All heavy atoms as atom14 arrays in JSON, in Angstrom:
{
  "sequence": "FENIGFVRISKSSVVNIYKIQKLQGDLNMRVIIYLKNGEQLIMNR",
  "atom14_mask": [
    [1, 1, 1, 1, 1, 1, 1, 1, 1, 1, 1, 0, 0, 0],
    [1, 1, 1, 1, 1, 1, 1, 1, 1, 0, 0, 0, 0, 0],
    [1, 1, 1, 1, 1, 1, 1, 1, 0, 0, 0, 0, 0, 0],
    [1, 1, 1, 1, 1, 1, 1, 1, 0, 0, 0, 0, 0, 0],
    [1, 1, 1, 1, 0, 0, 0, 0, 0, 0, 0, 0, 0, 0],
    [1, 1, 1, 1, 1, 1, 1, 1, 1, 1, 1, 0, 0, 0],
    [1, 1, 1, 1, 1, 1, 1, 0, 0, 0, 0, 0, 0, 0],
    [1, 1, 1, 1, 1, 1, 1, 1, 1, 1, 1, 0, 0, 0],
    [1, 1, 1, 1, 1, 1, 1, 1, 0, 0, 0, 0, 0, 0],
    [1, 1, 1, 1, 1, 1, 0, 0, 0, 0, 0, 0, 0, 0],
    [1, 1, 1, 1, 1, 1, 1, 1, 1, 0, 0, 0, 0, 0],
    [1, 1, 1, 1, 1, 1, 0, 0, 0, 0, 0, 0, 0, 0],
    [1, 1, 1, 1, 1, 1, 0, 0, 0, 0, 0, 0, 0, 0],
    [1, 1, 1, 1, 1, 1, 1, 0, 0, 0, 0, 0, 0, 0],
    [1, 1, 1, 1, 1, 1, 1, 0, 0, 0, 0, 0, 0, 0],
    [1, 1, 1, 1, 1, 1, 1, 1, 0, 0, 0, 0, 0, 0],
    [1, 1, 1, 1, 1, 1, 1, 1, 0, 0, 0, 0, 0, 0],
    [1, 1, 1, 1, 1, 1, 1, 1, 1, 1, 1, 1, 0, 0],
    [1, 1, 1, 1, 1, 1, 1, 1, 1, 0, 0, 0, 0, 0],
    [1, 1, 1, 1, 1, 1, 1, 1, 0, 0, 0, 0, 0, 0],
    [1, 1, 1, 1, 1, 1, 1, 1, 1, 0, 0, 0, 0, 0],
    [1, 1, 1, 1, 1, 1, 1, 1, 1, 0, 0, 0, 0, 0],
    [1, 1, 1, 1, 1, 1, 1, 1, 0, 0, 0, 0, 0, 0],
    [1, 1, 1, 1, 1, 1, 1, 1, 1, 0, 0, 0, 0, 0],
    [1, 1, 1, 1, 0, 0, 0, 0, 0, 0, 0, 0, 0, 0],
    [1, 1, 1, 1, 1, 1, 1, 1, 0, 0, 0, 0, 0, 0],
    [1, 1, 1, 1, 1, 1, 1, 1, 0, 0, 0, 0, 0, 0],
    [1, 1, 1, 1, 1, 1, 1, 1, 0, 0, 0, 0, 0, 0],
    [1, 1, 1, 1, 1, 1, 1, 1, 0, 0, 0, 0, 0, 0],
    [1, 1, 1, 1, 1, 1, 1, 1, 1, 1, 1, 0, 0, 0],
    [1, 1, 1, 1, 1, 1, 1, 0, 0, 0, 0, 0, 0, 0],
    [1, 1, 1, 1, 1, 1, 1, 1, 0, 0, 0, 0, 0, 0],
    [1, 1, 1, 1, 1, 1, 1, 1, 0, 0, 0, 0, 0, 0],
    [1, 1, 1, 1, 1, 1, 1, 1, 1, 1, 1, 1, 0, 0],
    [1, 1, 1, 1, 1, 1, 1, 1, 0, 0, 0, 0, 0, 0],
    [1, 1, 1, 1, 1, 1, 1, 1, 1, 0, 0, 0, 0, 0],
    [1, 1, 1, 1, 1, 1, 1, 1, 0, 0, 0, 0, 0, 0],
    [1, 1, 1, 1, 0, 0, 0, 0, 0, 0, 0, 0, 0, 0],
    [1, 1, 1, 1, 1, 1, 1, 1, 1, 0, 0, 0, 0, 0],
    [1, 1, 1, 1, 1, 1, 1, 1, 1, 0, 0, 0, 0, 0],
    [1, 1, 1, 1, 1, 1, 1, 1, 0, 0, 0, 0, 0, 0],
    [1, 1, 1, 1, 1, 1, 1, 1, 0, 0, 0, 0, 0, 0],
    [1, 1, 1, 1, 1, 1, 1, 1, 0, 0, 0, 0, 0, 0],
    [1, 1, 1, 1, 1, 1, 1, 1, 0, 0, 0, 0, 0, 0],
    [1, 1, 1, 1, 1, 1, 1, 1, 1, 1, 1, 0, 0, 0]
  ],
  "atom14_positions": [
    [[28.91, -4.07, 69.15], [27.77, -4.72, 69.8], [27.51, -6.17, 69.4], [26.49, -6.72, 69.78], [26.51, -3.89, 69.54], [26.61, -2.49, 70.06], [26.51, -1.43, 69.19], [26.82, -2.24, 71.39], [26.61, -0.12, 69.65], [26.93, -0.93, 71.87], [26.82, 0.12, 71.0], [0.0, 0.0, 0.0], [0.0, 0.0, 0.0], [0.0, 0.0, 0.0]],
    [[28.42, -6.82, 68.69], [28.15, -8.2, 68.31], [28.11, -9.12, 69.53], [27.44, -10.15, 69.5], [29.14, -8.7, 67.27], [30.53, -8.93, 67.79], [31.46, -9.44, 66.69], [30.97, -10.03, 65.73], [32.66, -9.24, 66.81], [0.0, 0.0, 0.0], [0.0, 0.0, 0.0], [0.0, 0.0, 0.0], [0.0, 0.0, 0.0], [0.0, 0.0, 0.0]],
    [[28.77, -8.75, 70.6], [28.78, -9.59, 71.81], [27.45, -9.6, 72.56], [27.27, -10.37, 73.48], [29.92, -9.17, 72.74], [29.73, -7.77, 73.28], [29.17, -6.9, 72.61], [30.21, -7.52, 74.47], [0.0, 0.0, 0.0], [0.0, 0.0, 0.0], [0.0, 0.0, 0.0], [0.0, 0.0, 0.0], [0.0, 0.0, 0.0], [0.0, 0.0, 0.0]],
    [[26.51, -8.74, 72.16], [25.21, -8.74, 72.83], [24.08, -9.18, 71.9], [22.91, -8.94, 72.18], [24.88, -7.38, 73.49], [24.84, -6.26, 72.46], [25.84, -7.08, 74.61], [24.33, -4.95, 73.03], [0.0, 0.0, 0.0], [0.0, 0.0, 0.0], [0.0, 0.0, 0.0], [0.0, 0.0, 0.0], [0.0, 0.0, 0.0], [0.0, 0.0, 0.0]],
    [[24.43, -9.83, 70.79], [23.4, -10.45, 69.96], [23.18, -9.88, 68.58], [22.26, -10.3, 67.89], [0.0, 0.0, 0.0], [0.0, 0.0, 0.0], [0.0, 0.0, 0.0], [0.0, 0.0, 0.0], [0.0, 0.0, 0.0], [0.0, 0.0, 0.0], [0.0, 0.0, 0.0], [0.0, 0.0, 0.0], [0.0, 0.0, 0.0], [0.0, 0.0, 0.0]],
    [[23.98, -8.92, 68.15], [23.82, -8.37, 66.8], [24.75, -9.1, 65.84], [25.94, -9.21, 66.09], [24.1, -6.86, 66.79], [23.02, -6.08, 67.47], [23.13, -5.72, 68.79], [21.87, -5.71, 66.77], [22.13, -5.0, 69.43], [20.87, -5.0, 67.39], [20.99, -4.64, 68.72], [0.0, 0.0, 0.0], [0.0, 0.0, 0.0], [0.0, 0.0, 0.0]],
    [[24.17, -9.6, 64.73], [24.92, -10.4, 63.77], [24.63, -9.9, 62.37], [23.48, -9.62, 62.01], [24.52, -11.89, 63.86], [25.31, -12.73, 62.87], [24.72, -12.41, 65.27], [0.0, 0.0, 0.0], [0.0, 0.0, 0.0], [0.0, 0.0, 0.0], [0.0, 0.0, 0.0], [0.0, 0.0, 0.0], [0.0, 0.0, 0.0], [0.0, 0.0, 0.0]],
    [[25.67, -9.8, 61.56], [25.53, -9.36, 60.17], [24.87, -10.47, 59.36], [25.25, -11.63, 59.47], [26.89, -9.0, 59.6], [26.8, -8.39, 58.22], [28.17, -7.92, 57.79], [28.43, -6.63, 58.39], [28.68, -5.52, 57.7], [28.73, -5.56, 56.39], [28.88, -4.39, 58.31], [0.0, 0.0, 0.0], [0.0, 0.0, 0.0], [0.0, 0.0, 0.0]],
    [[23.88, -10.08, 58.51], [23.21, -11.06, 57.67], [23.34, -10.73, 56.18], [22.97, -11.54, 55.34], [21.72, -11.2, 58.04], [21.0, -9.87, 57.9], [21.58, -11.79, 59.44], [19.49, -9.97, 57.96], [0.0, 0.0, 0.0], [0.0, 0.0, 0.0], [0.0, 0.0, 0.0], [0.0, 0.0, 0.0], [0.0, 0.0, 0.0], [0.0, 0.0, 0.0]],
    [[23.83, -9.55, 55.89], [24.09, -9.15, 54.5], [25.07, -7.99, 54.54], [25.42, -7.49, 55.6], [22.8, -8.74, 53.79], [22.33, -7.51, 54.26], [0.0, 0.0, 0.0], [0.0, 0.0, 0.0], [0.0, 0.0, 0.0], [0.0, 0.0, 0.0], [0.0, 0.0, 0.0], [0.0, 0.0, 0.0], [0.0, 0.0, 0.0], [0.0, 0.0, 0.0]],
    [[25.48, -7.55, 53.37], [26.44, -6.45, 53.31], [25.88, -5.19, 53.97], [26.61, -4.4, 54.55], [26.77, -6.16, 51.84], [27.82, -5.11, 51.64], [28.13, -4.92, 50.18], [29.19, -3.84, 49.99], [29.48, -3.61, 48.59], [0.0, 0.0, 0.0], [0.0, 0.0, 0.0], [0.0, 0.0, 0.0], [0.0, 0.0, 0.0], [0.0, 0.0, 0.0]],
    [[24.56, -5.03, 53.94], [23.96, -3.8, 54.45], [23.02, -4.0, 55.64], [22.33, -3.07, 56.03], [23.19, -3.1, 53.32], [22.16, -3.93, 52.86], [0.0, 0.0, 0.0], [0.0, 0.0, 0.0], [0.0, 0.0, 0.0], [0.0, 0.0, 0.0], [0.0, 0.0, 0.0], [0.0, 0.0, 0.0], [0.0, 0.0, 0.0], [0.0, 0.0, 0.0]],
    [[23.0, -5.21, 56.25], [22.06, -5.46, 57.34], [22.67, -6.24, 58.5], [23.48, -7.14, 58.31], [20.85, -6.26, 56.83], [20.18, -5.56, 55.83], [0.0, 0.0, 0.0], [0.0, 0.0, 0.0], [0.0, 0.0, 0.0], [0.0, 0.0, 0.0], [0.0, 0.0, 0.0], [0.0, 0.0, 0.0], [0.0, 0.0, 0.0], [0.0, 0.0, 0.0]],
    [[22.19, -5.9, 59.69], [22.55, -6.57, 60.94], [21.25, -6.87, 61.66], [20.35, -6.03, 61.7], [23.44, -5.65, 61.81], [23.64, -6.23, 63.19], [24.78, -5.41, 61.15], [0.0, 0.0, 0.0], [0.0, 0.0, 0.0], [0.0, 0.0, 0.0], [0.0, 0.0, 0.0], [0.0, 0.0, 0.0], [0.0, 0.0, 0.0], [0.0, 0.0, 0.0]],
    [[21.13, -8.06, 62.25], [19.91, -8.43, 62.96], [20.22, -8.69, 64.44], [21.32, -9.13, 64.78], [19.23, -9.66, 62.31], [20.05, -10.92, 62.53], [17.82, -9.85, 62.8], [0.0, 0.0, 0.0], [0.0, 0.0, 0.0], [0.0, 0.0, 0.0], [0.0, 0.0, 0.0], [0.0, 0.0, 0.0], [0.0, 0.0, 0.0], [0.0, 0.0, 0.0]],
    [[19.24, -8.42, 65.29], [19.32, -8.73, 66.71], [18.8, -10.16, 66.88], [17.62, -10.42, 66.68], [18.48, -7.74, 67.51], [18.56, -7.96, 69.0], [19.04, -8.98, 69.48], [18.08, -6.98, 69.75], [0.0, 0.0, 0.0], [0.0, 0.0, 0.0], [0.0, 0.0, 0.0], [0.0, 0.0, 0.0], [0.0, 0.0, 0.0], [0.0, 0.0, 0.0]],
    [[19.67, -11.07, 67.24], [19.29, -12.49, 67.36], [18.11, -12.67, 68.31], [17.28, -13.54, 68.11], [20.51, -13.33, 67.81], [21.47, -13.49, 66.64], [20.09, -14.68, 68.34], [22.71, -14.29, 66.95], [0.0, 0.0, 0.0], [0.0, 0.0, 0.0], [0.0, 0.0, 0.0], [0.0, 0.0, 0.0], [0.0, 0.0, 0.0], [0.0, 0.0, 0.0]],
    [[18.02, -11.86, 69.34], [16.95, -12.0, 70.33], [15.58, -11.6, 69.79], [14.57, -11.84, 70.45], [17.28, -11.17, 71.58], [18.5, -11.67, 72.29], [19.7, -10.98, 72.19], [18.47, -12.82, 73.06], [20.84, -11.44, 72.84], [19.6, -13.28, 73.71], [20.77, -12.59, 73.6], [21.89, -13.05, 74.25], [0.0, 0.0, 0.0], [0.0, 0.0, 0.0]],
    [[15.53, -10.98, 68.63], [14.26, -10.55, 68.05], [13.79, -11.47, 66.92], [12.82, -11.19, 66.25], [14.38, -9.12, 67.5], [14.75, -8.09, 68.55], [13.71, -7.97, 69.62], [14.04, -6.84, 70.59], [13.08, -6.72, 71.65], [0.0, 0.0, 0.0], [0.0, 0.0, 0.0], [0.0, 0.0, 0.0], [0.0, 0.0, 0.0], [0.0, 0.0, 0.0]],
    [[14.47, -12.59, 66.73], [14.09, -13.53, 65.68], [13.02, -14.49, 66.18], [13.16, -15.08, 67.26], [15.33, -14.33, 65.19], [16.32, -13.38, 64.53], [14.91, -15.44, 64.24], [17.63, -14.04, 64.11], [0.0, 0.0, 0.0], [0.0, 0.0, 0.0], [0.0, 0.0, 0.0], [0.0, 0.0, 0.0], [0.0, 0.0, 0.0], [0.0, 0.0, 0.0]],
    [[11.98, -14.64, 65.38], [10.92, -15.59, 65.71], [11.22, -16.96, 65.13], [11.11, -17.97, 65.8], [9.58, -15.08, 65.19], [8.41, -15.95, 65.59], [7.1, -15.3, 65.2], [7.01, -14.55, 64.24], [6.07, -15.59, 65.96], [0.0, 0.0, 0.0], [0.0, 0.0, 0.0], [0.0, 0.0, 0.0], [0.0, 0.0, 0.0], [0.0, 0.0, 0.0]],
    [[11.6, -16.99, 63.83], [11.96, -18.27, 63.22], [12.81, -18.03, 61.98], [12.87, -16.92, 61.44], [10.72, -19.09, 62.87], [9.93, -18.59, 61.69], [8.78, -19.53, 61.37], [8.06, -19.07, 60.11], [7.05, -20.0, 59.67], [0.0, 0.0, 0.0], [0.0, 0.0, 0.0], [0.0, 0.0, 0.0], [0.0, 0.0, 0.0], [0.0, 0.0, 0.0]],
    [[13.47, -19.1, 61.55], [14.3, -19.08, 60.35], [13.74, -20.1, 59.37], [13.25, -21.15, 59.77], [15.74, -19.47, 60.7], [16.45, -18.61, 61.73], [17.76, -19.26, 62.15], [16.7, -17.22, 61.19], [0.0, 0.0, 0.0], [0.0, 0.0, 0.0], [0.0, 0.0, 0.0], [0.0, 0.0, 0.0], [0.0, 0.0, 0.0], [0.0, 0.0, 0.0]],
    [[13.83, -19.77, 58.09], [13.33, -20.69, 57.06], [14.27, -20.66, 55.86], [14.64, -19.59, 55.39], [11.92, -20.27, 56.62], [11.32, -21.14, 55.55], [9.94, -20.65, 55.15], [9.22, -20.07, 55.97], [9.59, -20.86, 53.92], [0.0, 0.0, 0.0], [0.0, 0.0, 0.0], [0.0, 0.0, 0.0], [0.0, 0.0, 0.0], [0.0, 0.0, 0.0]],
    [[14.65, -21.84, 55.39], [15.51, -21.93, 54.22], [14.79, -21.42, 52.98], [13.57, -21.49, 52.87], [0.0, 0.0, 0.0], [0.0, 0.0, 0.0], [0.0, 0.0, 0.0], [0.0, 0.0, 0.0], [0.0, 0.0, 0.0], [0.0, 0.0, 0.0], [0.0, 0.0, 0.0], [0.0, 0.0, 0.0], [0.0, 0.0, 0.0], [0.0, 0.0, 0.0]],
    [[15.56, -20.89, 52.04], [15.01, -20.33, 50.81], [15.83, -20.87, 49.64], [16.84, -21.54, 49.82], [15.11, -18.79, 50.87], [14.36, -18.09, 49.75], [13.43, -18.68, 49.19], [14.73, -16.94, 49.44], [0.0, 0.0, 0.0], [0.0, 0.0, 0.0], [0.0, 0.0, 0.0], [0.0, 0.0, 0.0], [0.0, 0.0, 0.0], [0.0, 0.0, 0.0]],
    [[15.41, -20.55, 48.45], [16.16, -20.93, 47.27], [17.55, -20.29, 47.3], [17.77, -19.29, 47.96], [15.43, -20.48, 46.01], [14.04, -21.1, 45.8], [13.38, -20.46, 44.6], [14.12, -22.6, 45.63], [0.0, 0.0, 0.0], [0.0, 0.0, 0.0], [0.0, 0.0, 0.0], [0.0, 0.0, 0.0], [0.0, 0.0, 0.0], [0.0, 0.0, 0.0]],
    [[18.47, -20.88, 46.57], [19.84, -20.36, 46.48], [20.56, -20.32, 47.82], [21.42, -19.48, 48.05], [19.87, -18.98, 45.83], [19.31, -18.99, 44.44], [19.53, -19.94, 43.69], [18.56, -17.97, 44.09], [0.0, 0.0, 0.0], [0.0, 0.0, 0.0], [0.0, 0.0, 0.0], [0.0, 0.0, 0.0], [0.0, 0.0, 0.0], [0.0, 0.0, 0.0]],
    [[20.17, -21.19, 48.75], [20.79, -21.31, 50.07], [20.68, -20.05, 50.92], [21.43, -19.86, 51.87], [22.25, -21.76, 49.94], [22.37, -23.16, 49.38], [24.05, -23.75, 49.31], [24.53, -23.68, 51.01], [0.0, 0.0, 0.0], [0.0, 0.0, 0.0], [0.0, 0.0, 0.0], [0.0, 0.0, 0.0], [0.0, 0.0, 0.0], [0.0, 0.0, 0.0]],
    [[19.78, -19.17, 50.59], [19.55, -18.02, 51.46], [18.61, -18.44, 52.58], [18.01, -19.51, 52.54], [18.93, -16.87, 50.66], [19.85, -16.33, 49.59], [19.27, -15.14, 48.88], [17.92, -15.41, 48.43], [17.13, -14.52, 47.84], [17.57, -13.31, 47.62], [15.91, -14.83, 47.47], [0.0, 0.0, 0.0], [0.0, 0.0, 0.0], [0.0, 0.0, 0.0]],
    [[18.48, -17.58, 53.59], [17.61, -17.88, 54.72], [16.66, -16.7, 54.92], [17.1, -15.54, 54.91], [18.44, -18.12, 56.01], [17.54, -18.3, 57.21], [19.37, -19.31, 55.84], [0.0, 0.0, 0.0], [0.0, 0.0, 0.0], [0.0, 0.0, 0.0], [0.0, 0.0, 0.0], [0.0, 0.0, 0.0], [0.0, 0.0, 0.0], [0.0, 0.0, 0.0]],
    [[15.38, -17.01, 55.11], [14.4, -15.97, 55.44], [14.34, -15.89, 56.96], [14.16, -16.91, 57.64], [13.0, -16.29, 54.88], [13.06, -16.42, 53.36], [12.01, -15.21, 55.29], [11.76, -16.92, 52.75], [0.0, 0.0, 0.0], [0.0, 0.0, 0.0], [0.0, 0.0, 0.0], [0.0, 0.0, 0.0], [0.0, 0.0, 0.0], [0.0, 0.0, 0.0]],
    [[14.51, -14.69, 57.48], [14.45, -14.45, 58.93], [13.12, -13.77, 59.24], [12.84, -12.69, 58.73], [15.62, -13.55, 59.39], [16.96, -14.23, 59.07], [15.49, -13.23, 60.87], [18.16, -13.34, 59.31], [0.0, 0.0, 0.0], [0.0, 0.0, 0.0], [0.0, 0.0, 0.0], [0.0, 0.0, 0.0], [0.0, 0.0, 0.0], [0.0, 0.0, 0.0]],
    [[12.31, -14.43, 60.05], [11.04, -13.86, 60.49], [11.26, -13.24, 61.87], [11.67, -13.92, 62.81], [9.96, -14.94, 60.59], [9.58, -15.53, 59.25], [10.27, -16.61, 58.71], [8.54, -14.98, 58.5], [9.92, -17.15, 57.49], [8.19, -15.51, 57.27], [8.89, -16.6, 56.77], [8.54, -17.12, 55.55], [0.0, 0.0, 0.0], [0.0, 0.0, 0.0]],
    [[10.99, -11.94, 61.96], [11.2, -11.23, 63.22], [9.91, -11.23, 64.05], [8.81, -11.41, 63.52], [11.65, -9.8, 62.96], [12.97, -9.66, 62.2], [13.27, -8.2, 61.91], [14.1, -10.28, 62.99], [0.0, 0.0, 0.0], [0.0, 0.0, 0.0], [0.0, 0.0, 0.0], [0.0, 0.0, 0.0], [0.0, 0.0, 0.0], [0.0, 0.0, 0.0]],
    [[10.04, -10.97, 65.34], [8.9, -10.97, 66.25], [7.92, -9.83, 65.98], [6.8, -9.87, 66.45], [9.38, -10.91, 67.7], [10.11, -12.16, 68.12], [10.63, -12.05, 69.54], [11.38, -13.31, 69.92], [11.95, -13.2, 71.27], [0.0, 0.0, 0.0], [0.0, 0.0, 0.0], [0.0, 0.0, 0.0], [0.0, 0.0, 0.0], [0.0, 0.0, 0.0]],
    [[8.33, -8.83, 65.2], [7.42, -7.73, 64.86], [6.71, -7.96, 63.53], [6.04, -7.09, 63.02], [8.17, -6.39, 64.83], [9.2, -6.3, 63.72], [9.5, -7.27, 63.04], [9.77, -5.12, 63.55], [0.0, 0.0, 0.0], [0.0, 0.0, 0.0], [0.0, 0.0, 0.0], [0.0, 0.0, 0.0], [0.0, 0.0, 0.0], [0.0, 0.0, 0.0]],
    [[6.88, -9.16, 62.94], [6.19, -9.5, 61.7], [6.99, -9.23, 60.44], [6.58, -9.64, 59.35], [0.0, 0.0, 0.0], [0.0, 0.0, 0.0], [0.0, 0.0, 0.0], [0.0, 0.0, 0.0], [0.0, 0.0, 0.0], [0.0, 0.0, 0.0], [0.0, 0.0, 0.0], [0.0, 0.0, 0.0], [0.0, 0.0, 0.0], [0.0, 0.0, 0.0]],
    [[8.12, -8.56, 60.54], [8.93, -8.27, 59.35], [9.76, -9.48, 58.96], [10.01, -10.37, 59.78], [9.84, -7.07, 59.61], [9.09, -5.76, 59.72], [10.01, -4.57, 59.65], [10.79, -4.48, 58.69], [9.95, -3.74, 60.57], [0.0, 0.0, 0.0], [0.0, 0.0, 0.0], [0.0, 0.0, 0.0], [0.0, 0.0, 0.0], [0.0, 0.0, 0.0]],
    [[10.18, -9.49, 57.7], [11.03, -10.55, 57.19], [12.3, -9.95, 56.6], [12.24, -8.92, 55.94], [10.32, -11.33, 56.09], [9.09, -12.06, 56.53], [8.38, -12.7, 55.36], [8.96, -12.94, 54.31], [7.1, -12.98, 55.54], [0.0, 0.0, 0.0], [0.0, 0.0, 0.0], [0.0, 0.0, 0.0], [0.0, 0.0, 0.0], [0.0, 0.0, 0.0]],
    [[13.42, -10.6, 56.85], [14.7, -10.2, 56.29], [15.29, -11.4, 55.55], [14.98, -12.54, 55.86], [15.67, -9.77, 57.39], [15.24, -8.63, 58.31], [16.24, -8.45, 59.44], [15.1, -7.34, 57.52], [0.0, 0.0, 0.0], [0.0, 0.0, 0.0], [0.0, 0.0, 0.0], [0.0, 0.0, 0.0], [0.0, 0.0, 0.0], [0.0, 0.0, 0.0]],
    [[16.14, -11.12, 54.58], [16.82, -12.18, 53.85], [18.29, -12.2, 54.25], [18.96, -11.17, 54.19], [16.72, -11.97, 52.32], [15.26, -11.91, 51.88], [17.5, -13.04, 51.57], [14.52, -13.22, 51.95], [0.0, 0.0, 0.0], [0.0, 0.0, 0.0], [0.0, 0.0, 0.0], [0.0, 0.0, 0.0], [0.0, 0.0, 0.0], [0.0, 0.0, 0.0]],
    [[18.76, -13.37, 54.67], [20.18, -13.54, 54.98], [20.87, -14.07, 53.74], [20.47, -15.11, 53.2], [20.38, -14.51, 56.13], [21.83, -14.69, 56.49], [22.19, -16.02, 57.7], [20.71, -16.22, 58.61], [0.0, 0.0, 0.0], [0.0, 0.0, 0.0], [0.0, 0.0, 0.0], [0.0, 0.0, 0.0], [0.0, 0.0, 0.0], [0.0, 0.0, 0.0]],
    [[21.89, -13.38, 53.29], [22.66, -13.85, 52.15], [23.47, -15.07, 52.55], [23.93, -15.18, 53.69], [23.59, -12.75, 51.64], [22.82, -11.63, 50.99], [21.65, -11.77, 50.64], [23.47, -10.5, 50.82], [0.0, 0.0, 0.0], [0.0, 0.0, 0.0], [0.0, 0.0, 0.0], [0.0, 0.0, 0.0], [0.0, 0.0, 0.0], [0.0, 0.0, 0.0]],
    [[23.67, -15.96, 51.62], [24.34, -17.23, 51.94], [25.78, -17.05, 52.4], [26.29, -17.87, 53.16], [24.25, -18.2, 50.77], [24.95, -17.73, 49.54], [24.81, -18.74, 48.43], [25.44, -18.21, 47.24], [24.94, -18.33, 46.05], [23.82, -18.97, 45.86], [25.57, -17.81, 45.02], [0.0, 0.0, 0.0], [0.0, 0.0, 0.0], [0.0, 0.0, 0.0]]
  ]
}
């Protein structure tokens, strides 16, 4: 399903790009992913 917007963000997580509200840089070059449902995920560098 990667061709329809699912992308791996860590060894154990995949996110739906269409459900992302915003991205924010974090310490250690990680990225905080804010989802449209209010949850936050951490993308490993």
